[in-house]
Amino acid sequence: MKDTPSKPKCGFKTTVKFLRDHQMSSLDISSDEQVRQRLKKFSILLTYPQLYVKGKPLAD
């Protein structure tokens, strides 16, 4: 996601609330270019936040 669950910079506040309520970990991808580039290769999703369970993205 962009920024952190306590200070989201994206419009996905419902997802952020879910993350907080379920004590999931987060990673500020905007602070690490290498992570962003790897995520582009790893994921079929084009937007953030992205939710993964056991290494697989949850997406429609």
N, C-alpha and C. Protein backbone atom coordinates (compact mmCIF):
# COMPACT_ATOMS: atom_id res chain seq x y z
N MET A 1 0.83 -1.17 0.00
CA MET A 1 0.00 0.00 0.00
C MET A 1 0.88 1.23 0.00
N LYS A 2 0.30 2.36 -0.27
CA LYS A 2 1.03 3.62 -0.21
C LYS A 2 0.96 4.13 1.22
N ASP A 3 2.08 4.33 1.82
CA ASP A 3 2.23 4.78 3.20
C ASP A 3 1.90 3.65 4.18
N THR A 4 1.28 3.93 5.29
CA THR A 4 1.05 2.92 6.33
C THR A 4 -0.42 2.89 6.73
N PRO A 5 -0.87 1.82 7.41
CA PRO A 5 -2.27 1.77 7.83
C PRO A 5 -2.69 2.94 8.72
N SER A 6 -1.77 3.48 9.50
CA SER A 6 -2.14 4.60 10.37
C SER A 6 -2.26 5.93 9.61
N LYS A 7 -1.61 6.02 8.44
CA LYS A 7 -1.67 7.23 7.62
C LYS A 7 -1.78 6.85 6.14
N PRO A 8 -2.92 6.28 5.71
CA PRO A 8 -3.05 5.86 4.32
C PRO A 8 -3.06 7.05 3.37
N LYS A 9 -2.40 6.90 2.23
CA LYS A 9 -2.39 7.94 1.20
C LYS A 9 -3.24 7.51 0.01
N CYS A 10 -4.00 6.46 0.16
CA CYS A 10 -4.80 5.96 -0.95
C CYS A 10 -6.28 6.02 -0.58
N GLY A 11 -7.13 5.74 -1.55
CA GLY A 11 -8.56 5.80 -1.32
C GLY A 11 -9.16 4.51 -0.79
N PHE A 12 -8.36 3.56 -0.40
CA PHE A 12 -8.85 2.25 0.03
C PHE A 12 -8.93 2.17 1.55
N LYS A 13 -9.61 3.09 2.17
CA LYS A 13 -9.66 3.14 3.63
C LYS A 13 -10.38 1.94 4.23
N THR A 14 -11.33 1.34 3.50
CA THR A 14 -12.00 0.14 4.00
C THR A 14 -11.00 -0.99 4.15
N THR A 15 -10.10 -1.11 3.19
CA THR A 15 -9.07 -2.14 3.25
C THR A 15 -8.13 -1.87 4.42
N VAL A 16 -7.79 -0.61 4.62
CA VAL A 16 -6.91 -0.25 5.73
C VAL A 16 -7.57 -0.63 7.06
N LYS A 17 -8.87 -0.36 7.20
CA LYS A 17 -9.58 -0.73 8.42
C LYS A 17 -9.54 -2.24 8.61
N PHE A 18 -9.72 -3.00 7.55
CA PHE A 18 -9.66 -4.46 7.62
C PHE A 18 -8.28 -4.91 8.11
N LEU A 19 -7.24 -4.31 7.57
CA LEU A 19 -5.88 -4.65 7.98
C LEU A 19 -5.68 -4.41 9.46
N ARG A 20 -6.13 -3.26 9.94
CA ARG A 20 -5.99 -2.94 11.36
C ARG A 20 -6.78 -3.91 12.23
N ASP A 21 -8.03 -4.18 11.83
CA ASP A 21 -8.90 -5.05 12.63
C ASP A 21 -8.39 -6.47 12.73
N HIS A 22 -7.64 -6.92 11.72
CA HIS A 22 -7.16 -8.31 11.70
C HIS A 22 -5.66 -8.43 11.96
N GLN A 23 -5.05 -7.35 12.42
CA GLN A 23 -3.64 -7.33 12.81
C GLN A 23 -2.71 -7.90 11.74
N MET A 24 -2.93 -7.50 10.52
CA MET A 24 -2.07 -7.94 9.42
C MET A 24 -0.90 -6.99 9.30
N SER A 25 0.18 -7.48 8.73
CA SER A 25 1.36 -6.64 8.56
C SER A 25 1.20 -5.76 7.33
N SER A 26 1.99 -4.70 7.29
CA SER A 26 1.95 -3.79 6.16
C SER A 26 3.36 -3.42 5.75
N LEU A 27 3.46 -2.87 4.55
CA LEU A 27 4.75 -2.44 4.02
C LEU A 27 4.51 -1.18 3.20
N ASP A 28 5.23 -0.12 3.49
CA ASP A 28 5.11 1.13 2.74
C ASP A 28 5.93 1.00 1.47
N ILE A 29 5.26 0.66 0.37
CA ILE A 29 5.98 0.44 -0.89
C ILE A 29 6.53 1.72 -1.49
N SER A 30 5.98 2.87 -1.08
CA SER A 30 6.46 4.13 -1.65
C SER A 30 7.85 4.49 -1.14
N SER A 31 8.32 3.82 -0.10
CA SER A 31 9.64 4.14 0.45
C SER A 31 10.74 3.22 -0.07
N ASP A 32 10.39 2.26 -0.93
CA ASP A 32 11.39 1.29 -1.39
C ASP A 32 11.18 0.95 -2.86
N GLU A 33 11.97 1.56 -3.72
CA GLU A 33 11.85 1.36 -5.16
C GLU A 33 12.06 -0.10 -5.56
N GLN A 34 12.99 -0.78 -4.92
CA GLN A 34 13.27 -2.18 -5.24
C GLN A 34 12.03 -3.05 -4.96
N VAL A 35 11.36 -2.81 -3.86
CA VAL A 35 10.14 -3.56 -3.54
C VAL A 35 9.07 -3.29 -4.59
N ARG A 36 8.89 -2.03 -5.00
CA ARG A 36 7.89 -1.71 -6.02
C ARG A 36 8.17 -2.44 -7.33
N GLN A 37 9.41 -2.47 -7.74
CA GLN A 37 9.76 -3.13 -9.00
C GLN A 37 9.54 -4.64 -8.91
N ARG A 38 9.90 -5.24 -7.79
CA ARG A 38 9.68 -6.68 -7.61
C ARG A 38 8.20 -7.01 -7.58
N LEU A 39 7.42 -6.15 -6.93
CA LEU A 39 5.98 -6.39 -6.84
C LEU A 39 5.33 -6.34 -8.22
N LYS A 40 5.80 -5.45 -9.09
CA LYS A 40 5.27 -5.38 -10.46
C LYS A 40 5.48 -6.70 -11.19
N LYS A 41 6.60 -7.36 -10.95
CA LYS A 41 6.89 -8.64 -11.60
C LYS A 41 6.13 -9.79 -10.96
N PHE A 42 5.87 -9.68 -9.65
CA PHE A 42 5.24 -10.75 -8.89
C PHE A 42 3.73 -10.77 -9.03
N SER A 43 3.11 -9.60 -9.14
CA SER A 43 1.66 -9.48 -9.03
C SER A 43 0.98 -9.21 -10.36
N ILE A 44 -0.23 -9.75 -10.50
CA ILE A 44 -1.07 -9.43 -11.66
C ILE A 44 -1.88 -8.16 -11.41
N LEU A 45 -1.88 -7.70 -10.17
CA LEU A 45 -2.66 -6.52 -9.79
C LEU A 45 -1.90 -5.26 -10.14
N LEU A 46 -2.64 -4.23 -10.56
CA LEU A 46 -2.00 -2.98 -10.96
C LEU A 46 -2.18 -1.86 -9.95
N THR A 47 -3.02 -2.07 -8.94
CA THR A 47 -3.28 -1.02 -7.96
C THR A 47 -2.88 -1.48 -6.57
N TYR A 48 -2.81 -0.51 -5.67
CA TYR A 48 -2.46 -0.79 -4.28
C TYR A 48 -3.55 -0.21 -3.40
N PRO A 49 -3.85 -0.76 -2.25
CA PRO A 49 -3.15 -1.84 -1.58
C PRO A 49 -3.44 -3.19 -2.21
N GLN A 50 -2.56 -4.14 -1.96
CA GLN A 50 -2.74 -5.51 -2.39
C GLN A 50 -2.72 -6.41 -1.17
N LEU A 51 -3.62 -7.37 -1.15
CA LEU A 51 -3.72 -8.27 -0.01
C LEU A 51 -3.32 -9.67 -0.46
N TYR A 52 -2.37 -10.26 0.26
CA TYR A 52 -1.88 -11.61 -0.04
C TYR A 52 -2.12 -12.53 1.14
N VAL A 53 -2.52 -13.75 0.85
CA VAL A 53 -2.67 -14.78 1.87
C VAL A 53 -1.87 -15.99 1.41
N LYS A 54 -0.90 -16.38 2.21
CA LYS A 54 -0.01 -17.50 1.88
C LYS A 54 0.64 -17.32 0.51
N GLY A 55 1.07 -16.09 0.21
CA GLY A 55 1.79 -15.79 -1.01
C GLY A 55 0.94 -15.61 -2.25
N LYS A 56 -0.38 -15.67 -2.13
CA LYS A 56 -1.26 -15.52 -3.29
C LYS A 56 -2.12 -14.27 -3.11
N PRO A 57 -2.24 -13.46 -4.21
CA PRO A 57 -3.04 -12.25 -4.09
C PRO A 57 -4.54 -12.57 -4.04
N LEU A 58 -5.25 -11.82 -3.23
CA LEU A 58 -6.70 -11.91 -3.19
C LEU A 58 -7.23 -10.79 -4.07
N ALA A 59 -7.82 -11.14 -5.18
CA ALA A 59 -8.33 -10.15 -6.12
C ALA A 59 -9.54 -10.71 -6.84
N ASP A 60 -10.37 -9.78 -7.35
CA ASP A 60 -11.53 -10.19 -8.14
C ASP A 60 -11.08 -10.56 -9.54
